[in-house]
Protein backbone atom coordinates (compact mmCIF):
# COMPACT_ATOMS: atom_id res chain seq x y z
CA MET A 1 0.00 0.00 0.00
CA GLY A 2 3.01 2.28 -0.24
CA LEU A 3 3.14 2.94 3.49
CA GLY A 4 6.73 1.75 3.90
CA PHE A 5 5.81 -0.99 6.39
CA GLY A 6 6.01 -4.74 5.82
CA PRO A 7 6.74 -8.03 7.57
CA LYS A 8 10.49 -7.75 7.17
CA ARG A 9 13.15 -8.25 9.85
CA ASP A 10 13.79 -5.14 11.92
CA ASP A 11 15.38 -5.53 15.38
CA SER A 12 14.28 -2.05 16.42
CA LEU A 13 10.65 -3.15 16.01
CA GLY A 14 11.16 -6.48 17.67
CA GLY A 15 11.55 -8.53 14.50
CA THR A 16 8.98 -9.57 11.95
CA ARG A 17 6.21 -9.93 14.51
CA GLY A 18 6.80 -6.41 15.85
CA GLY A 19 6.93 -4.92 12.37
CA SER A 20 3.61 -6.56 11.51
CA SER A 21 2.07 -5.15 14.70
CA VAL A 22 3.11 -1.65 13.73
CA TYR A 23 1.81 -2.19 10.20
CA ARG A 24 -1.57 -3.32 11.51
CA ALA A 25 -1.72 -0.43 13.94
CA VAL A 26 -1.03 2.04 11.15
CA LEU A 27 -3.75 0.45 9.02
CA ARG A 28 -6.23 0.61 11.89
CA PHE A 29 -5.37 4.27 12.41
CA LEU A 30 -5.80 5.08 8.72
CA CYS A 31 -9.13 3.26 8.66
CA MET A 32 -10.28 5.25 11.70
CA VAL A 33 -9.27 8.51 10.03
CA ALA A 34 -11.03 7.51 6.81
CA ASN A 35 -14.18 6.55 8.74
CA ASP A 36 -14.10 9.81 10.69
CA MET A 37 -13.71 11.81 7.48
CA SER A 38 -16.52 9.89 5.82
CA GLU A 39 -18.80 10.50 8.79
CA GLN A 40 -17.88 14.19 8.80
CA VAL A 41 -18.75 14.48 5.12
CA SER A 42 -22.05 12.66 5.72
CA GLU A 43 -22.91 15.03 8.57
CA ARG A 44 -22.21 18.06 6.38
CA VAL A 45 -24.32 16.69 3.56
CA ARG A 46 -27.19 16.05 5.98
CA SER A 47 -26.84 19.56 7.41
CA TYR A 48 -27.00 21.07 3.92
CA GLN A 49 -29.99 18.95 2.98
CA ASP A 50 -31.81 19.97 6.17
CA ASN A 51 -30.90 23.67 6.27
CA GLY A 52 -30.16 24.68 2.69
CA TYR A 53 -26.74 26.08 3.49
CA LEU A 54 -23.33 25.03 4.75
CA VAL A 55 -20.33 26.93 6.11
CA LEU A 56 -16.88 25.45 5.47
CA GLU A 57 -14.14 27.03 7.53
CA GLY A 58 -10.76 28.16 6.25
CA ILE A 59 -11.12 27.33 2.57
CA LEU A 60 -8.66 30.15 1.81
CA LEU A 61 -5.68 31.14 3.95
CA PRO A 62 -5.57 34.76 5.18
CA GLU A 63 -2.74 35.59 2.79
CA GLU A 64 -4.73 34.10 -0.11
CA CYS A 65 -7.66 36.30 0.84
CA ASP A 66 -5.39 39.35 0.88
CA ARG A 67 -3.95 38.57 -2.56
CA LEU A 68 -7.41 38.09 -4.02
CA LEU A 69 -8.69 41.31 -2.49
CA THR A 70 -5.71 43.20 -3.93
CA ILE A 71 -6.72 42.04 -7.42
CA PHE A 72 -10.32 43.08 -6.80
CA GLU A 73 -9.30 46.52 -5.58
CA GLU A 74 -7.31 47.11 -8.75
CA HIS A 75 -10.63 46.97 -10.63
CA ALA A 76 -12.71 48.84 -8.06
CA ASP A 77 -14.28 52.29 -8.45
CA PRO A 78 -13.60 54.18 -5.20
CA PRO A 79 -15.28 55.77 -3.38
CA ASP A 80 -18.41 53.90 -4.55
CA MET A 81 -16.86 50.40 -4.44
CA ALA A 82 -19.67 48.95 -6.53
CA ALA A 83 -20.09 45.27 -7.28
CA ILE A 84 -17.99 43.80 -10.09
CA LEU A 85 -19.42 41.09 -12.32
CA ASN A 86 -17.47 38.27 -13.96
CA LEU A 87 -13.97 39.47 -13.18
CA ASP A 88 -12.88 35.86 -13.65
CA ARG A 89 -13.26 36.34 -17.40
CA ILE A 90 -10.36 38.77 -17.55
CA GLU A 91 -8.29 37.79 -14.50
CA PRO A 92 -6.79 34.26 -14.62
CA ASP A 93 -6.04 34.28 -10.87
CA VAL A 94 -9.71 34.93 -10.16
CA ARG A 95 -10.81 32.16 -12.51
CA ALA A 96 -8.37 29.86 -10.70
CA VAL A 97 -10.29 30.36 -7.45
CA MET A 98 -13.57 29.65 -9.21
CA THR A 99 -12.26 26.36 -10.63
CA ASP A 100 -10.20 25.31 -7.61
CA ARG A 101 -11.16 21.88 -6.35
CA LYS A 102 -11.33 23.27 -2.80
CA ALA A 103 -14.47 25.09 -3.93
CA VAL A 104 -15.76 22.71 -6.60
CA ASP A 105 -15.41 19.39 -4.75
CA PRO A 106 -17.72 20.34 -1.84
CA VAL A 107 -20.32 21.63 -4.31
CA GLU A 108 -20.23 18.44 -6.36
CA THR A 109 -20.39 16.37 -3.18
CA LEU A 110 -23.55 18.20 -2.14
CA GLN A 111 -25.04 18.02 -5.63
CA LYS A 112 -23.96 14.39 -6.12
CA THR A 113 -23.21 15.19 -9.74
CA PRO A 114 -20.73 17.25 -11.80
CA VAL A 115 -21.35 20.98 -12.00
CA VAL A 116 -20.28 23.86 -14.22
CA GLY A 117 -19.66 27.48 -13.32
CA LEU A 118 -21.99 30.27 -14.44
CA MET A 119 -20.72 33.63 -13.19
CA SER A 120 -18.80 35.45 -10.47
CA GLN A 121 -19.30 38.64 -8.54
CA VAL A 122 -17.21 40.77 -6.18
CA LEU A 123 -19.09 42.53 -3.39
CA PHE A 124 -16.98 44.97 -1.38
CA LYS A 125 -19.57 46.48 0.99
CA SER A 126 -16.80 48.83 2.13
CA ALA A 127 -17.41 50.86 5.26
CA GLY A 128 -18.55 54.40 4.44
CA SER A 129 -18.98 53.69 0.72
CA ARG A 130 -22.12 54.23 -1.35
CA TYR A 131 -23.01 50.55 -1.04
CA ALA A 132 -22.27 50.15 2.67
CA SER A 133 -25.91 50.72 3.56
CA GLN A 134 -27.14 48.21 1.00
CA ALA A 135 -29.34 45.59 2.65
CA TRP A 136 -30.63 42.79 0.47
CA GLN A 137 -34.27 41.86 0.90
CA PRO A 138 -35.20 38.26 1.69
CA HIS A 139 -34.83 36.51 -1.66
CA GLN A 140 -33.92 33.25 -3.39
CA ASP A 141 -31.03 33.20 -5.84
CA ASN A 142 -32.94 30.76 -8.03
CA SER A 143 -35.56 33.44 -8.73
CA TYR A 144 -33.05 35.00 -11.15
CA ILE A 145 -32.05 31.97 -13.17
CA GLN A 146 -35.24 29.86 -12.89
CA ALA A 147 -33.42 26.55 -12.83
CA GLU A 148 -34.87 23.30 -11.58
CA PRO A 149 -35.01 23.58 -7.76
CA GLY A 150 -31.83 22.14 -6.28
CA ALA A 151 -29.73 22.49 -9.43
CA TYR A 152 -28.27 25.92 -8.61
CA ILE A 153 -25.77 26.76 -5.87
CA THR A 154 -24.20 30.03 -4.77
CA VAL A 155 -20.80 30.07 -3.06
CA ASN A 156 -19.64 33.07 -1.04
CA ILE A 157 -15.98 33.19 0.00
CA PHE A 158 -15.45 35.81 2.69
CA LEU A 159 -12.29 37.89 2.53
CA ALA A 160 -12.83 39.39 6.00
CA ASP A 161 -14.71 38.44 9.15
CA ALA A 162 -18.42 39.11 8.70
CA GLY A 163 -21.49 39.37 10.90
CA PRO A 164 -24.66 41.44 11.26
CA GLU A 165 -22.76 44.55 12.37
CA ASN A 166 -20.74 44.87 9.15
CA GLY A 167 -23.27 43.78 6.57
CA GLY A 168 -23.34 40.02 7.07
CA LEU A 169 -26.02 37.62 5.89
CA TYR A 170 -29.09 36.13 7.50
CA ILE A 171 -30.67 32.88 6.33
CA TYR A 172 -33.99 31.11 6.80
CA PRO A 173 -32.81 27.54 7.42
CA GLY A 174 -34.95 24.90 5.78
CA SER A 175 -36.80 27.32 3.52
CA HIS A 176 -35.31 25.67 0.43
CA VAL A 177 -37.74 22.77 0.75
CA ASP A 178 -40.57 25.03 -0.43
CA GLY A 179 -38.97 25.33 -3.86
CA THR A 180 -38.94 28.59 -5.80
CA LEU A 181 -41.48 30.91 -4.16
CA PRO A 182 -43.49 33.71 -5.80
CA PHE A 183 -41.47 36.92 -5.76
CA THR A 184 -41.59 40.61 -6.56
CA PRO A 185 -39.03 41.38 -9.32
CA THR A 186 -36.54 44.02 -8.19
CA VAL A 187 -33.57 45.58 -9.96
CA SER A 188 -30.65 43.98 -8.15
CA TYR A 189 -27.46 45.07 -9.88
CA ARG A 190 -25.70 48.02 -8.26
CA GLU A 191 -28.85 49.17 -6.53
CA SER A 192 -27.90 51.19 -3.46
CA ASP A 193 -30.98 50.58 -1.32
CA ASN A 194 -32.76 47.23 -0.98
CA PRO A 195 -32.09 44.91 -3.92
CA GLY A 196 -33.28 41.34 -4.18
CA ASN A 197 -36.38 39.69 -5.68
CA ARG A 198 -38.37 39.83 -2.47
CA VAL A 199 -40.34 36.76 -1.44
CA GLU A 200 -43.09 36.44 1.11
CA ILE A 201 -41.69 34.12 3.74
CA PRO A 202 -43.97 31.42 5.16
CA GLY A 203 -44.47 32.08 8.86
CA HIS A 204 -42.98 28.78 10.01
CA TRP A 205 -39.48 29.78 8.84
CA LYS A 206 -37.29 31.83 11.20
CA SER A 207 -34.11 33.68 10.26
CA GLU A 208 -30.64 33.06 11.67
CA ASP A 209 -27.69 35.43 11.49
CA ILE A 210 -24.52 34.05 9.92
CA ARG A 211 -21.10 34.82 11.39
CA VAL A 212 -18.04 33.78 9.42
CA LYS A 213 -14.30 34.26 9.53
CA LYS A 214 -11.93 35.42 6.84
CA GLY A 215 -11.38 32.58 4.40
CA ASP A 216 -14.64 30.75 5.21
CA MET A 217 -16.96 29.60 2.44
CA LEU A 218 -20.75 29.77 2.63
CA ILE A 219 -22.63 27.43 0.27
CA LEU A 220 -26.25 28.39 -0.43
CA HIS A 221 -28.94 26.23 -2.00
CA GLY A 222 -30.56 28.21 -4.81
CA CYS A 223 -33.95 28.12 -3.07
CA VAL A 224 -32.93 28.98 0.50
CA VAL A 225 -34.29 32.39 1.48
CA HIS A 226 -31.64 34.84 2.65
CA GLY A 227 -30.72 38.50 2.77
CA SER A 228 -28.15 40.82 4.28
CA TYR A 229 -27.76 43.68 6.74
CA PRO A 230 -26.40 47.15 6.03
CA ASN A 231 -22.78 47.74 6.97
CA LEU A 232 -23.00 50.37 9.71
CA SER A 233 -19.57 49.59 11.13
CA GLU A 234 -16.08 50.80 10.33
CA ARG A 235 -15.09 47.39 8.92
CA ASP A 236 -15.34 46.32 5.28
CA ARG A 237 -17.16 43.13 4.30
CA PRO A 238 -15.63 41.99 1.00
CA LEU A 239 -16.61 38.65 -0.48
CA PHE A 240 -16.14 36.73 -3.71
CA GLN A 241 -19.29 35.08 -5.02
CA VAL A 242 -19.34 32.23 -7.52
CA THR A 243 -22.36 30.36 -8.85
CA TYR A 244 -22.52 26.78 -10.06
CA ILE A 245 -25.21 24.60 -11.61
CA LYS A 246 -25.64 20.92 -12.35
CA ARG A 247 -24.21 20.11 -15.74
CA GLY A 248 -26.90 20.14 -18.44
CA SER A 249 -29.42 22.25 -16.48
CA ASP A 250 -31.37 25.04 -18.13
CA PHE A 251 -30.93 28.57 -16.83
CA VAL A 252 -31.65 32.22 -17.65
CA SER A 253 -28.51 34.06 -18.77
CA GLY A 254 -29.64 37.47 -17.49
CA LYS A 255 -29.12 40.96 -18.93
CA ASN A 256 -26.42 42.02 -16.46
CA ALA A 257 -25.22 38.70 -15.07
CA ASN A 258 -24.44 37.28 -18.53
CA ARG A 259 -24.36 33.75 -17.13
CA ARG A 260 -22.75 31.15 -19.33
CA VAL A 261 -21.37 27.65 -18.95
CA ILE A 262 -17.82 27.64 -17.59
CA GLU A 263 -16.08 24.30 -17.65
CA LEU A 264 -14.26 23.46 -14.46
C-alpha cells in the first residue's frame, strides 16, 4: 500500500512480529481517520440537505484572501466600491479560485453530480462607501435563473470576518424545501438601497444570522431564502461570489449577469 511498512526483519521493532504489529496499527489508524472523514462528510451533507446552506471554515488562507482582495481593488471604483461582475473572465487568478477543487469538490459532493460554473461577482460592501448601507431583501437566488429547484448553488468566499454589524447575511434555514417561491421582481445590480427579488416568507421559517471568519466559504442552496444587513460599522465586508449549476441544467442568462457555462 506504499506505506513503507512490511513483515520484514527489523530488530528495532522487535523482528517480523513487531513490524507486523506496527503495520496493523497504522492500518487501523488510517481506517479510523477515513471513517471519521466519511462521517464528517455525511454530517455536512445532511446539514446542507436539512438547512439549505453550509459553512466550510478556512477554505482560503488569510494571505490568499489578501492577494485576491488586492486584485479586486485594482478593478474597483472608489469611493463607490460597486459590485464587479465576472472578473474571472479577464483575471486568470480569479478564474483559478472559481475552478479550484477546494471550492468545486464540496459543491459536487452536495449536488452528487458534476457541476459547471456560471458567473462570479465581487461585493466589497466597504465601510462608508455608497453601497455600505445596501441591505438585500429576503430573496432566493434561483428566482433569477429559474433553474430546476436544487440544481443551482451560490458560493460566497469571505475575505474578511463578517457578521450582522458589518453587513453580514441572514438565512432562513430549511426554507429551500418550499422550492422557488413567488417573488416581486426588483432591480438587483448596483442598486444602493434594498435589492433582491423579495419573497413572502412562510411564517414557520425563522431567520438566523450568519457569522463567518476570513477565508470561510458559505454554500447556499438556490432556493434557500436569505438577505443581508447594512454595513453600519467601520469594517469592510468583502466577499467573492461564484455560482454553479448541475451540468446540463437550463438557466436564464440574465441581462447584467451574462451567465454562461464555464467548464471546471
